[in-house]
C-alpha atoms as a PDB file:
ATOM      1  CA  MET A   1      14.894   4.657  -4.619  1.00  0.00           C
ATOM      2  CA  SER A   2      14.420   7.056  -7.550  1.00  0.00           C
ATOM      3  CA  TYR A   3      10.958   7.680  -9.189  1.00  0.00           C
ATOM      4  CA  PRO A   4       9.788   9.579 -12.392  1.00  0.00           C
ATOM      5  CA  THR A   5      10.004  13.324 -12.069  1.00  0.00           C
ATOM      6  CA  SER A   6       7.108  15.866 -13.157  1.00  0.00           C
ATOM      7  CA  ALA A   7       5.457  18.895 -12.135  1.00  0.00           C
ATOM      8  CA  GLU A   8       3.296  16.991  -9.692  1.00  0.00           C
ATOM      9  CA  PRO A   9       4.922  15.654  -6.804  1.00  0.00           C
ATOM     10  CA  PRO A  10       4.624  11.792  -6.049  1.00  0.00           C
ATOM     11  CA  PHE A  11       2.086  10.618  -3.874  1.00  0.00           C
ATOM     12  CA  ALA A  12       3.414   8.186  -1.209  1.00  0.00           C
ATOM     13  CA  THR A  13       1.901   6.173   1.453  1.00  0.00           C
ATOM     14  CA  GLY A  14       3.171   3.259   3.926  1.00  0.00           C
ATOM     15  CA  LEU A  15       0.760   0.285   3.930  1.00  0.00           C
ATOM     16  CA  TYR A  16       0.751  -3.560   5.079  1.00  0.00           C
ATOM     17  CA  TRP A  17       0.894  -6.171   2.381  1.00  0.00           C
ATOM     18  CA  ARG A  18      -1.200  -9.237   3.387  1.00  0.00           C
ATOM     19  CA  LYS A  19       1.159 -11.911   1.912  1.00  0.00           C
ATOM     20  CA  SER A  20      -0.739 -14.710   3.334  1.00  0.00           C
ATOM     21  CA  LEU A  21      -4.460 -14.600   2.818  1.00  0.00           C
ATOM     22  CA  LEU A  22      -4.950 -17.239   5.201  1.00  0.00           C
ATOM     23  CA  ASN A  23      -3.372 -15.650   8.140  1.00  0.00           C
ATOM     24  CA  ALA A  24      -4.177 -11.854   7.959  1.00  0.00           C
ATOM     25  CA  ARG A  25      -1.873 -11.138  11.071  1.00  0.00           C
ATOM     26  CA  LYS A  26       0.997 -11.760   8.951  1.00  0.00           C
ATOM     27  CA  CYS A  27       1.666  -8.366   7.090  1.00  0.00           C
ATOM     28  CA  ILE A  28       4.705  -6.748   6.036  1.00  0.00           C
ATOM     29  CA  PRO A  29       5.192  -2.961   5.705  1.00  0.00           C
ATOM     30  CA  VAL A  30       5.570  -1.509   2.183  1.00  0.00           C
ATOM     31  CA  ILE A  31       5.799   1.769   0.653  1.00  0.00           C
ATOM     32  CA  LEU A  32       3.610   2.476  -2.426  1.00  0.00           C
ATOM     33  CA  VAL A  33       4.627   5.552  -4.621  1.00  0.00           C
ATOM     34  CA  LEU A  34       2.436   6.886  -7.458  1.00  0.00           C
ATOM     35  CA  ALA A  35       4.740   9.252  -9.735  1.00  0.00           C
ATOM     36  CA  ASP A  36       3.728  10.202 -13.411  1.00  0.00           C
ATOM     37  CA  GLY A  37       1.062   7.456 -13.530  1.00  0.00           C
ATOM     38  CA  LEU A  38       3.678   4.559 -12.391  1.00  0.00           C
ATOM     39  CA  LEU A  39       2.732   2.723  -9.178  1.00  0.00           C
ATOM     40  CA  THR A  40       5.820   1.457  -7.314  1.00  0.00           C
ATOM     41  CA  MET A  41       5.583  -0.861  -4.156  1.00  0.00           C
ATOM     42  CA  SER A  42       8.745  -1.722  -2.261  1.00  0.00           C
ATOM     43  CA  ASP A  43       9.392  -3.517   1.022  1.00  0.00           C
ATOM     44  CA  LYS A  44      12.325  -3.120   3.086  1.00  0.00           C
ATOM     45  CA  SER A  45      14.765  -4.520   0.976  1.00  0.00           C
ATOM     46  CA  SER A  46      13.605  -4.645  -2.578  1.00  0.00           C
ATOM     47  CA  ARG A  47      11.244  -3.338  -5.183  1.00  0.00           C
ATOM     48  CA  VAL A  48       8.177  -5.496  -5.407  1.00  0.00           C
ATOM     49  CA  PHE A  49       6.552  -4.226  -8.705  1.00  0.00           C
ATOM     50  CA  SER A  50       6.611  -0.996 -10.786  1.00  0.00           C
ATOM     51  CA  ILE A  51       3.697  -0.730 -13.287  1.00  0.00           C
ATOM     52  CA  PRO A  52       1.634   1.938 -14.968  1.00  0.00           C
ATOM     53  CA  ALA A  53      -1.546   2.684 -13.181  1.00  0.00           C
ATOM     54  CA  SER A  54      -3.528   2.087 -16.263  1.00  0.00           C
ATOM     55  CA  GLN A  55      -2.613  -1.595 -15.993  1.00  0.00           C
ATOM     56  CA  ILE A  56      -3.953  -1.996 -12.499  1.00  0.00           C
ATOM     57  CA  SER A  57      -7.245  -3.229 -11.423  1.00  0.00           C
ATOM     58  CA  LEU A  58      -8.712  -2.369  -8.164  1.00  0.00           C
ATOM     59  CA  ARG A  59     -11.352  -3.877  -5.905  1.00  0.00           C
ATOM     60  CA  ARG A  60     -12.116  -4.075  -2.200  1.00  0.00           C
ATOM     61  CA  SER A  61     -12.813  -7.363  -0.339  1.00  0.00           C
ATOM     62  CA  ARG A  62     -15.915  -7.362   1.857  1.00  0.00           C
ATOM     63  CA  TRP A  63     -13.591  -6.696   4.920  1.00  0.00           C
ATOM     64  CA  GLY A  64     -11.975  -3.563   3.421  1.00  0.00           C
ATOM     65  CA  THR A  65      -8.772  -4.895   2.180  1.00  0.00           C
ATOM     66  CA  LEU A  66      -7.605  -2.944  -0.953  1.00  0.00           C
ATOM     67  CA  LEU A  67      -6.845  -5.603  -3.679  1.00  0.00           C
ATOM     68  CA  ILE A  68      -4.454  -4.370  -6.455  1.00  0.00           C
ATOM     69  CA  THR A  69      -4.203  -6.528  -9.360  1.00  0.00           C
ATOM     70  CA  CYS A  70      -1.399  -6.362 -11.806  1.00  0.00           C
ATOM     71  CA  GLY A  71      -1.568  -8.957 -14.619  1.00  0.00           C
ATOM     72  CA  SER A  72      -2.175 -12.164 -12.954  1.00  0.00           C
ATOM     73  CA  THR A  73      -0.933 -11.323  -9.649  1.00  0.00           C
ATOM     74  CA  THR A  74      -3.157  -9.639  -6.860  1.00  0.00           C
ATOM     75  CA  TYR A  75      -1.692  -7.873  -3.968  1.00  0.00           C
ATOM     76  CA  ALA A  76      -3.802  -7.608  -0.705  1.00  0.00           C
ATOM     77  CA  LEU A  77      -3.196  -4.213   1.060  1.00  0.00           C
ATOM     78  CA  VAL A  78      -4.561  -3.051   4.352  1.00  0.00           C
ATOM     79  CA  GLY A  79      -3.732  -0.017   6.614  1.00  0.00           C
ATOM     80  CA  ARG A  80      -2.752  -1.660   9.528  1.00  0.00           C
ATOM     81  CA  GLY A  81      -0.949  -4.888  10.288  1.00  0.00           C
ATOM     82  CA  GLY A  82      -1.501  -7.381  13.065  1.00  0.00           C
ATOM     83  CA  ASP A  83       0.473  -7.273  16.469  1.00  0.00           C
ATOM     84  CA  ILE A  84       3.117 -10.027  15.261  1.00  0.00           C
ATOM     85  CA  SER A  85       3.441  -8.004  11.734  1.00  0.00           C
ATOM     86  CA  PRO A  86       6.941  -6.336  11.625  1.00  0.00           C
ATOM     87  CA  GLN A  87       7.023  -2.438  12.114  1.00  0.00           C
ATOM     88  CA  PHE A  88       8.217  -0.180   9.389  1.00  0.00           C
ATOM     89  CA  THR A  89      12.110   0.192   9.590  1.00  0.00           C
ATOM     90  CA  ASP A  90      13.714   3.457  10.449  1.00  0.00           C
ATOM     91  CA  GLU A  91      14.690   3.663   6.827  1.00  0.00           C
ATOM     92  CA  GLN A  92      11.098   2.999   5.374  1.00  0.00           C
ATOM     93  CA  ILE A  93       9.979   5.873   7.514  1.00  0.00           C
ATOM     94  CA  ALA A  94      12.837   8.321   6.795  1.00  0.00           C
ATOM     95  CA  HIS A  95      11.946   7.656   2.929  1.00  0.00           C
ATOM     96  CA  LEU A  96       8.237   8.265   3.723  1.00  0.00           C
ATOM     97  CA  ASP A  97       9.135  11.597   5.431  1.00  0.00           C
ATOM     98  CA  LYS A  98      11.366  12.569   2.428  1.00  0.00           C
ATOM     99  CA  LEU A  99       8.330  11.921   0.078  1.00  0.00           C
ATOM    100  CA  GLY A 100       6.053  14.043   2.452  1.00  0.00           C
ATOM    101  CA  ALA A 101       3.960  11.180   3.531  1.00  0.00           C
ATOM    102  CA  PRO A 102       2.431  10.649   6.820  1.00  0.00           C
ATOM    103  CA  THR A 103       4.145   8.070   9.348  1.00  0.00           C
ATOM    104  CA  PRO A 104       2.274   4.964   9.099  1.00  0.00           C
ATOM    105  CA  PRO A 105       0.170   3.517  12.336  1.00  0.00           C
ATOM    106  CA  LYS A 106       1.874   0.685  14.136  1.00  0.00           C
ATOM    107  CA  PRO A 107       0.548  -3.068  14.149  1.00  0.00           C
ATOM    108  CA  MET A 108      -2.354  -3.666  16.263  1.00  0.00           C
ATOM    109  CA  ARG A 109      -4.124  -6.489  18.087  1.00  0.00           C
ATOM    110  CA  PRO A 110      -6.013  -8.996  15.629  1.00  0.00           C
ATOM    111  CA  SER A 111      -9.509  -8.055  17.098  1.00  0.00           C
ATOM    112  CA  ARG A 112      -8.862  -4.373  16.198  1.00  0.00           C
ATOM    113  CA  ALA A 113      -6.730  -4.981  12.909  1.00  0.00           C
ATOM    114  CA  GLY A 114      -9.612  -6.864  11.479  1.00  0.00           C
ATOM    115  CA  SER A 115     -12.214  -4.189  11.712  1.00  0.00           C
ATOM    116  CA  GLY A 116     -13.317  -2.751   8.358  1.00  0.00           C
ATOM    117  CA  GLN A 117     -12.330   0.900   9.700  1.00  0.00           C
ATOM    118  CA  ALA A 118      -8.721  -0.189  10.463  1.00  0.00           C
ATOM    119  CA  MET A 119      -8.398  -1.945   6.923  1.00  0.00           C
ATOM    120  CA  LEU A 120      -9.429   1.134   5.458  1.00  0.00           C
ATOM    121  CA  PHE A 121      -7.130   3.433   7.241  1.00  0.00           C
ATOM    122  CA  ASN A 122      -4.648   4.882   4.685  1.00  0.00           C
ATOM    123  CA  THR A 123      -5.707   2.717   1.845  1.00  0.00           C
ATOM    124  CA  GLU A 124      -8.482   5.080   0.233  1.00  0.00           C
ATOM    125  CA  PRO A 125      -6.209   7.962  -0.430  1.00  0.00           C
ATOM    126  CA  LEU A 126      -4.103   5.589  -2.607  1.00  0.00           C
ATOM    127  CA  ALA A 127      -7.248   3.974  -4.202  1.00  0.00           C
ATOM    128  CA  ALA A 128      -8.545   7.421  -5.198  1.00  0.00           C
ATOM    129  CA  ARG A 129      -5.255   8.477  -6.783  1.00  0.00           C
ATOM    130  CA  LEU A 130      -4.830   5.130  -8.650  1.00  0.00           C
ATOM    131  CA  ARG A 131      -8.374   5.730 -10.130  1.00  0.00           C
ATOM    132  CA  GLN A 132      -7.398   9.274 -11.223  1.00  0.00           C
ATOM    133  CA  ALA A 133      -4.346   8.079 -12.817  1.00  0.00           C
ATOM    134  CA  GLY A 134      -6.368   5.374 -14.977  1.00  0.00           C
ATOM    135  CA  ALA A 135      -6.647   2.290 -12.738  1.00  0.00           C
ATOM    136  CA  THR A 136      -9.967   0.341 -13.370  1.00  0.00           C
ATOM    137  CA  VAL A 137     -12.268  -0.542 -10.639  1.00  0.00           C
ATOM    138  CA  SER A 138     -13.844  -3.912 -10.588  1.00  0.00           C
END
């Protein structure tokens, strides 16, 4: 995938998207890239969204999930998936490596994945960068 280019390198991270809020163990690995004020989220096969950070609203759930709202859609992101979550593909890991991002953690048992510390893992750097880029915090 291509991203806007600027003097500042893009910020990239691998997180887990909780597509089901009812079953927190079903998370899919996604790559988020913030470049030139534009946040792009992609799963293993396609781009989910690409939106200016200034049009994003951030908040945290009481369990530590990072909630990113773009328009009327909210995406729940966590630092680790549950043990039944798929792992990042080799292609996703290679893409993160190319962008200079750390290798994401492997999914873990639900008792550990549900802890606040595990949920916050890897999400705070993205939240901080989005705030700097103009995202609102609610």
